[in-house]
Structures are given as structure tokens and as C-alpha cells.
Amino acid sequence: MLKPRRVGCFRFLCWSLSYLAKTKTSSRAKRGDLGNLNLIKYKALLSAIFLFHINILHAQTHPVNKLLLETYGTHDLAEKPAFQGGYINFGYWKNIPLGKTITTEERIKASQDLYQLVFDHLNIQKEDSIVEVGCGRGNGCVEVAEKYHPVSITGVDIIPQQTNRAKRIHKKFIKRHASSLSFQTGSSSSLPFSDNSQTKIFSIEAAQCFPSMKGFAEEAWRVLQPGGRLVVTAHFATNEAGYQALRELIPTVDQGVDLLIPIEQVRSAFQEVGFKEVSFQSIGEDVFEGLQKWRLNVQDVKWAENYFVSYKKGFLDYYLIVLEK
């Protein structure tokens, strides 16, 4: 059932599509076969109108936190030395030796390995239709397209600058995978996909910023086909006491950027909508130590020090959650 505040947008969308359909039919009747020449443009227009109204709906129901928009949009966190290769994640350092100076190539590999960890748990097949929620610059989506060749892989991010960067940076890959690789601006709580349309969804180090874990869980459930799989990696408070400590240590918690809610609230949000939890792992020991060593090497993002301290004190951990509909 549509929420009341969505009804106006969808009524106007339906009216627009109906009007265009009638116009198209009339045009073809008058011009005969010439109407077929504009079929592609017609479909593109329908798609554009649909996305336009979806984006209006996103803006009305889930306005973007100003600081979040500045951090990932205006300032582009990926440009910081702490994050290399266009990735914005802490990295998965299990297979990287930390007893020596870490190279830039190893820092990039740590970010890539975090994606590969998720891909392994997704069990991607060629017949899959896949969505990444919180895709950033889109590196992970390109990896999926290049390695696995699914029916479709769509990167979604709430920051318009990020999806624009993804389209610009990966222009040649979008052209190479024209029928399968795309990027869209959208909210985790209002995904621009129809019901039961996707087979796999994943989110890498973005869920801690989602405005509503319940909203994301409901949307993932709606969009996934029965038997579909959802894999999430992110850092959250270990418990309620940890959450209260994080509010003191990490200012962005109360500023609405890094919500870092207790992990049991995250797990409950998914289970309450019907997801089956296939596996749940704490992987913090393979995340925070490597990030801290690299951060100190490059003398960047001093704010990350409090993440490391919070992990060592047991307030925070990094999790890998695998779920099925």
C-alpha cells in the first residue's frame, strides 16, 4: 500500500504515462509506420518521466542530511589520502601483511577485498539482477559487470554528485555494458525499482548512514524476488551502552551522518520484515587495525582515530550480514 505522502506523486506519474500513451497512439494512427521511428525516443521519455517523479518522491520523503551531502557530495571523501582508488571504505585487511609499511596498491586491494568478500557471499550468477545501495563512485558495480556479467547491475546513491561521478568516471564501462550497467540517484528507504524485480542486493559501508534501517529493510524486501539475497557490511555500536559512548566520541552520530545504532536493532529490522539471517559475522579485527595503520602512514582523517579507539574499547564493531527473502 502506498504511503499517503506518496499518493500525489504517483497519481501525477500515472496521469503522465497515460497521457503519453494516448498521444503516442494518436500519433501513430495519423502517421502510420512513421510512428515506429520514434519508439526509442518514446520509451526514453517514459523512463525519464518515471525517474523524474521517483526523484521528487525521494526528495519529499527523505531529504538528504546537509553534512552528509557536503561530506560525500561537495567535498568528495574519496579524494582523501585515507581512501585510495576511488573507493570509500575502511578496507578488509585479512590478506594484507601489516608488519611493514603499507603501499598504496595494498590500500586499494583492502577496499577491493571488502567487495570481494561480499561478492563471495552473494553467489552472483549470470541470470541475476543486482542492486548496490550506497554505490558511491560505482567501482563495485563496475567490478560486478566485468567479472560476473549479470543481467543487470544498478548502483544507487542518495548523493547526486556521486551518481554523476560514477557515470562520468565509468563512461567506457557503461558503454561496454550498455544493457546491464547503470547508476541512479535514490534513497535506501525508497528504491526506484518495482516489486520483486531484483535477485540480489548488497550494500558496503553505507548502511550506517541510512536514515532508517527499518525503511531500508522494507524496501529491500519489497524489491527482492522470493529467495533473493541481501548482503550488508557496515560498522555499528555493539550494544546500547556502546551507542551512548559513540555519541560522545563521534560527533557525526548526533549530527545524523553516522547513525551507528546498536547492531541488534539492525538485525531486528531485517528479521521483522521477514528476512532469514543466513549468517552473521564480526569482522572488525580485519578492518580497524589495517585502517589505523594506513591512516597513521598518510596522516589523514584524524576523526578515524575515535573509530579505532571505540573498536578497541568494545563500543563499535564491523559486521557482515547475509540475509535471504
Protein backbone atom coordinates (compact mmCIF):
# COMPACT_ATOMS: atom_id res chain seq x y z
CA MET A 1 0.00 0.00 0.00
CA LEU A 2 1.30 3.45 -0.88
CA LYS A 3 2.00 5.83 1.98
CA PRO A 4 -0.30 8.91 1.89
CA ARG A 5 2.51 11.33 1.07
CA ARG A 6 3.45 9.23 -1.97
CA VAL A 7 -0.02 9.21 -3.50
CA GLY A 8 0.20 12.64 -5.12
CA CYS A 9 3.47 11.84 -6.89
CA PHE A 10 2.24 8.51 -8.20
CA ARG A 11 -1.11 9.91 -9.34
CA PHE A 12 0.71 12.52 -11.40
CA LEU A 13 3.12 9.88 -12.71
CA CYS A 14 0.24 7.64 -13.79
CA TRP A 15 -1.52 10.58 -15.45
CA SER A 16 1.69 11.47 -17.33
CA LEU A 17 2.19 7.93 -18.61
CA SER A 18 -1.47 7.64 -19.60
CA TYR A 19 -1.36 10.95 -21.47
CA LEU A 20 1.80 9.98 -23.33
CA ALA A 21 0.37 6.60 -24.26
CA LYS A 22 -2.75 8.23 -25.73
CA THR A 23 -0.61 10.78 -27.56
CA LYS A 24 1.57 8.02 -28.97
CA THR A 25 -1.40 6.01 -30.17
CA SER A 26 -2.95 9.04 -31.86
CA SER A 27 0.35 9.97 -33.46
CA ARG A 28 0.89 6.50 -34.88
CA ALA A 29 -2.65 6.40 -36.25
CA LYS A 30 -2.02 9.63 -38.14
CA ARG A 31 1.45 8.84 -39.40
CA GLY A 32 1.24 5.11 -39.90
CA ASP A 33 4.57 3.30 -39.83
CA LEU A 34 6.46 6.56 -39.28
CA GLY A 35 5.40 6.31 -35.64
CA ASN A 36 7.78 3.40 -35.17
CA LEU A 37 10.74 5.64 -35.90
CA ASN A 38 10.29 7.42 -32.59
CA LEU A 39 9.71 4.32 -30.46
CA ILE A 40 13.11 4.51 -28.81
CA LYS A 41 12.68 8.20 -28.00
CA TYR A 42 9.20 7.46 -26.68
CA LYS A 43 10.50 4.76 -24.32
CA ALA A 44 13.31 7.03 -23.18
CA LEU A 45 10.81 9.79 -22.42
CA LEU A 46 8.63 7.43 -20.41
CA SER A 47 11.67 6.31 -18.44
CA ALA A 48 12.80 9.89 -17.86
CA ILE A 49 9.36 10.88 -16.56
CA PHE A 50 9.29 7.87 -14.25
CA LEU A 51 12.72 8.65 -12.79
CA PHE A 52 11.84 12.35 -12.51
CA HIS A 53 8.81 11.59 -10.34
CA ILE A 54 10.69 8.98 -8.33
CA ASN A 55 13.38 11.56 -7.56
CA ILE A 56 10.70 14.06 -6.49
CA LEU A 57 9.32 11.38 -4.18
CA HIS A 58 12.80 10.77 -2.74
CA ALA A 59 13.27 14.48 -2.08
CA GLN A 60 9.88 14.79 -0.40
CA THR A 61 10.14 11.73 1.84
CA HIS A 62 13.88 11.54 2.58
CA PRO A 63 15.68 14.90 2.44
CA VAL A 64 19.46 14.44 2.45
CA ASN A 65 21.32 15.42 5.61
CA LYS A 66 23.26 18.59 4.80
CA LEU A 67 26.53 17.40 6.36
CA LEU A 68 26.22 14.04 4.58
CA LEU A 69 25.74 15.88 1.29
CA GLU A 70 28.83 18.01 1.94
CA THR A 71 31.00 15.08 3.02
CA TYR A 72 30.24 12.78 0.11
CA GLY A 73 29.00 15.28 -2.44
CA THR A 74 30.63 18.69 -2.29
CA HIS A 75 33.92 17.59 -0.71
CA ASP A 76 34.12 14.03 -2.12
CA LEU A 77 35.58 11.87 0.64
CA ALA A 78 37.16 9.58 -1.98
CA GLU A 79 39.77 12.29 -2.64
CA LYS A 80 41.19 11.93 0.87
CA PRO A 81 44.55 10.09 1.14
CA ALA A 82 42.96 7.66 3.60
CA PHE A 83 40.80 6.34 0.75
CA GLN A 84 42.51 5.25 -2.45
CA GLY A 85 41.48 4.09 -5.91
CA GLY A 86 38.08 5.81 -5.84
CA TYR A 87 36.80 3.58 -3.02
CA ILE A 88 35.30 4.92 0.19
CA ASN A 89 35.54 2.08 2.70
CA PHE A 90 37.74 1.08 5.62
CA GLY A 91 39.04 -1.98 3.80
CA TYR A 92 39.30 -5.67 4.60
CA TRP A 93 42.91 -6.34 5.58
CA LYS A 94 42.92 -10.06 6.34
CA ASN A 95 45.20 -10.94 3.44
CA ILE A 96 47.49 -7.90 3.70
CA PRO A 97 50.60 -8.02 5.95
CA LEU A 98 50.52 -5.19 8.48
CA GLY A 99 54.03 -5.67 9.87
CA LYS A 100 55.55 -3.38 7.26
CA THR A 101 54.80 -0.11 5.52
CA ILE A 102 51.53 -0.42 3.60
CA THR A 103 51.69 0.55 -0.05
CA THR A 104 49.02 2.46 -1.98
CA GLU A 105 48.38 -0.68 -4.01
CA GLU A 106 47.72 -2.63 -0.79
CA ARG A 107 45.35 0.08 0.44
CA ILE A 108 43.37 -0.24 -2.79
CA LYS A 109 43.45 -4.03 -2.50
CA ALA A 110 41.97 -3.80 1.01
CA SER A 111 38.97 -1.93 -0.38
CA GLN A 112 38.65 -4.37 -3.26
CA ASP A 113 38.88 -7.33 -0.87
CA LEU A 114 35.93 -5.98 1.13
CA TYR A 115 33.88 -6.00 -2.06
CA GLN A 116 35.10 -9.48 -2.96
CA LEU A 117 34.08 -10.74 0.47
CA VAL A 118 30.55 -9.52 -0.23
CA PHE A 119 30.53 -10.89 -3.79
CA ASP A 120 31.51 -14.32 -2.47
CA HIS A 121 28.51 -14.29 -0.11
CA LEU A 122 26.17 -13.01 -2.82
CA ASN A 123 26.92 -16.03 -5.02
CA ILE A 124 26.41 -13.98 -8.19
CA GLN A 125 25.05 -15.74 -11.28
CA LYS A 126 24.71 -14.53 -14.88
CA GLU A 127 20.91 -14.51 -14.60
CA ASP A 128 20.97 -12.13 -11.61
CA SER A 129 19.56 -8.61 -11.47
CA ILE A 130 21.60 -6.81 -8.82
CA VAL A 131 21.46 -3.52 -6.94
CA GLU A 132 24.15 -1.85 -4.85
CA VAL A 133 22.67 0.60 -2.35
CA GLY A 134 25.13 3.35 -1.46
CA CYS A 135 27.32 2.78 -4.51
CA GLY A 136 29.50 5.89 -4.18
CA ARG A 137 31.68 6.30 -7.25
CA GLY A 138 30.49 2.96 -8.59
CA ASN A 139 33.71 0.93 -8.55
CA GLY A 140 31.95 -2.09 -7.09
CA CYS A 141 29.24 -2.08 -9.74
CA VAL A 142 31.87 -1.99 -12.47
CA GLU A 143 33.63 -4.98 -10.86
CA VAL A 144 30.36 -6.91 -10.89
CA ALA A 145 29.74 -6.09 -14.55
CA GLU A 146 33.28 -7.00 -15.57
CA LYS A 147 33.69 -10.19 -13.52
CA TYR A 148 30.22 -11.72 -13.42
CA HIS A 149 28.24 -10.34 -16.41
CA PRO A 150 24.80 -10.40 -14.74
CA VAL A 151 21.57 -9.41 -16.49
CA SER A 152 21.80 -6.07 -14.70
CA ILE A 153 23.79 -4.26 -12.03
CA THR A 154 22.47 -0.90 -10.86
CA GLY A 155 24.28 1.41 -8.47
CA VAL A 156 22.04 3.61 -6.30
CA ASP A 157 23.24 6.50 -4.15
CA ILE A 158 21.35 9.27 -2.41
CA ILE A 159 24.08 11.82 -3.23
CA PRO A 160 23.50 13.15 -6.78
CA GLN A 161 27.15 14.16 -7.15
CA GLN A 162 28.19 10.57 -6.53
CA THR A 163 25.99 9.06 -9.20
CA ASN A 164 27.10 11.80 -11.59
CA ARG A 165 30.75 10.98 -10.84
CA ALA A 166 30.07 7.28 -11.36
CA LYS A 167 28.55 7.98 -14.78
CA ARG A 168 31.48 10.22 -15.77
CA ILE A 169 34.34 8.12 -14.39
CA HIS A 170 33.00 4.81 -15.72
CA LYS A 171 31.73 6.08 -19.05
CA LYS A 172 33.63 3.47 -21.06
CA PHE A 173 32.35 0.62 -18.86
CA ILE A 174 28.78 1.87 -19.11
CA LYS A 175 29.20 1.85 -22.88
CA ARG A 176 30.75 -1.63 -22.80
CA HIS A 177 27.92 -2.98 -20.63
CA ALA A 178 25.19 -0.74 -22.08
CA SER A 179 22.39 -3.23 -21.45
CA SER A 180 23.36 -4.08 -17.87
CA LEU A 181 25.36 -1.37 -16.02
CA SER A 182 23.68 1.83 -14.78
CA PHE A 183 23.62 4.33 -11.93
CA GLN A 184 20.64 6.10 -10.36
CA THR A 185 20.10 8.62 -7.59
CA GLY A 186 17.81 7.18 -4.96
CA SER A 187 17.16 6.66 -1.26
CA SER A 188 17.70 3.44 0.69
CA SER A 189 14.15 3.87 2.00
CA SER A 190 12.55 4.42 -1.41
CA LEU A 191 14.38 2.37 -4.02
CA PRO A 192 13.49 3.14 -7.67
CA PHE A 193 12.59 -0.44 -8.59
CA SER A 194 9.35 -2.35 -8.95
CA ASP A 195 8.25 -5.10 -6.56
CA ASN A 196 10.03 -8.47 -6.82
CA SER A 197 12.26 -7.19 -9.63
CA GLN A 198 15.78 -7.94 -8.31
CA THR A 199 17.55 -11.15 -7.28
CA LYS A 200 20.44 -9.70 -5.25
CA ILE A 201 21.06 -6.51 -3.24
CA PHE A 202 24.25 -5.52 -1.48
CA SER A 203 25.48 -2.53 0.50
CA ILE A 204 29.08 -1.93 1.52
CA GLU A 205 29.86 0.51 4.34
CA ALA A 206 26.83 2.68 3.64
CA ALA A 207 24.08 1.27 5.87
CA GLN A 208 25.47 3.09 8.92
CA CYS A 209 24.42 6.32 7.16
CA PHE A 210 20.93 5.20 6.12
CA PRO A 211 18.24 7.41 7.73
CA SER A 212 16.07 4.41 8.60
CA MET A 213 17.18 0.80 8.92
CA LYS A 214 13.55 -0.27 9.02
CA GLY A 215 12.90 1.69 5.82
CA PHE A 216 15.84 0.01 4.08
CA ALA A 217 14.76 -3.44 5.28
CA GLU A 218 11.22 -2.88 4.00
CA GLU A 219 12.42 -1.64 0.62
CA ALA A 220 14.93 -4.46 0.18
CA TRP A 221 12.17 -6.97 0.99
CA ARG A 222 9.80 -5.31 -1.48
CA VAL A 223 12.31 -5.15 -4.33
CA LEU A 224 13.83 -8.63 -3.95
CA GLN A 225 12.29 -11.67 -5.57
CA PRO A 226 11.38 -14.61 -3.30
CA GLY A 227 14.64 -16.38 -2.49
CA GLY A 228 16.61 -13.22 -3.22
CA ARG A 229 19.74 -12.45 -1.22
CA LEU A 230 20.82 -9.30 0.65
CA VAL A 231 24.39 -8.80 1.93
CA VAL A 232 25.35 -5.84 4.13
CA THR A 233 28.68 -4.77 5.59
CA ALA A 234 28.93 -1.76 7.91
CA HIS A 235 30.04 -0.66 11.36
CA PHE A 236 27.58 -0.28 14.22
CA ALA A 237 27.52 0.01 18.01
CA THR A 238 27.96 -3.31 19.79
CA ASN A 239 25.09 -2.53 22.19
CA GLU A 240 23.09 0.34 23.69
CA ALA A 241 25.89 1.30 26.10
CA GLY A 242 28.31 1.33 23.18
CA TYR A 243 25.93 3.56 21.24
CA GLN A 244 25.77 6.10 24.05
CA ALA A 245 29.58 6.10 24.25
CA LEU A 246 29.82 6.64 20.48
CA ARG A 247 27.59 9.70 20.78
CA GLU A 248 30.29 11.23 22.95
CA LEU A 249 33.26 10.09 20.87
CA ILE A 250 31.94 10.59 17.33
CA PRO A 251 30.10 13.90 16.75
CA THR A 252 28.58 12.78 13.42
CA VAL A 253 26.34 10.32 15.29
CA ASP A 254 24.18 13.10 16.73
CA GLN A 255 24.64 15.13 13.55
CA GLY A 256 22.70 12.47 11.63
CA VAL A 257 25.54 11.29 9.36
CA ASP A 258 26.84 8.11 11.02
CA LEU A 259 23.86 6.73 12.92
CA LEU A 260 25.81 3.72 14.27
CA ILE A 261 22.77 2.24 16.01
CA PRO A 262 23.18 -0.91 18.14
CA ILE A 263 23.70 -3.97 15.96
CA GLU A 264 20.75 -5.82 17.48
CA GLN A 265 18.46 -3.07 16.19
CA VAL A 266 19.89 -3.65 12.72
CA ARG A 267 19.36 -7.40 12.88
CA SER A 268 15.84 -6.98 14.26
CA ALA A 269 14.89 -4.54 11.47
CA PHE A 270 15.62 -7.19 8.85
CA GLN A 271 14.07 -10.07 10.76
CA GLU A 272 10.87 -8.15 11.50
CA VAL A 273 10.07 -7.69 7.80
CA GLY A 274 10.64 -11.39 7.16
CA PHE A 275 14.29 -11.85 6.19
CA LYS A 276 16.03 -15.07 7.19
CA GLU A 277 19.50 -14.43 8.59
CA VAL A 278 21.81 -16.84 6.76
CA SER A 279 24.98 -15.73 8.54
CA PHE A 280 26.24 -13.02 10.85
CA GLN A 281 29.90 -12.23 11.45
CA SER A 282 32.00 -9.70 13.30
CA ILE A 283 34.98 -8.84 11.07
CA GLY A 284 36.29 -5.82 12.97
CA GLU A 285 39.69 -7.39 13.66
CA ASP A 286 40.32 -7.49 9.91
CA VAL A 287 39.13 -3.92 9.36
CA PHE A 288 40.13 -1.43 12.05
CA GLU A 289 43.77 -2.42 12.66
CA GLY A 290 44.72 -2.07 9.00
CA LEU A 291 42.83 1.18 8.58
CA GLN A 292 44.52 2.67 11.65
CA LYS A 293 47.99 1.70 10.42
CA TRP A 294 47.34 3.16 6.95
CA ARG A 295 45.78 6.31 8.39
CA LEU A 296 48.84 6.95 10.52
CA ASN A 297 51.08 6.37 7.48
CA VAL A 298 49.35 9.07 5.46
CA GLN A 299 48.46 11.33 8.41
CA ASP A 300 44.88 11.77 7.26
CA VAL A 301 41.30 11.81 8.62
CA LYS A 302 42.10 12.33 12.28
CA TRP A 303 38.44 11.66 13.04
CA ALA A 304 39.07 7.98 12.28
CA GLU A 305 41.16 7.73 15.46
CA ASN A 306 37.98 7.68 17.52
CA TYR A 307 36.64 4.79 15.43
CA PHE A 308 39.75 2.78 16.27
CA VAL A 309 39.53 3.72 19.95
CA SER A 310 35.83 2.82 20.00
CA TYR A 311 36.58 -0.57 18.48
CA LYS A 312 39.36 -1.30 20.99
CA LYS A 313 37.06 -0.36 23.88
CA GLY A 314 34.29 -2.60 22.58
CA PHE A 315 31.85 0.18 21.70
CA LEU A 316 31.94 -0.43 17.96
CA ASP A 317 32.44 -3.34 15.58
CA TYR A 318 32.27 -4.10 11.87
CA TYR A 319 29.74 -6.64 10.66
CA LEU A 320 28.95 -8.84 7.68
CA ILE A 321 25.28 -9.84 7.48
CA VAL A 322 23.85 -12.26 4.89
CA LEU A 323 20.05 -12.45 4.54
CA GLU A 324 17.50 -14.14 2.28
CA LYS A 325 13.89 -13.35 1.44
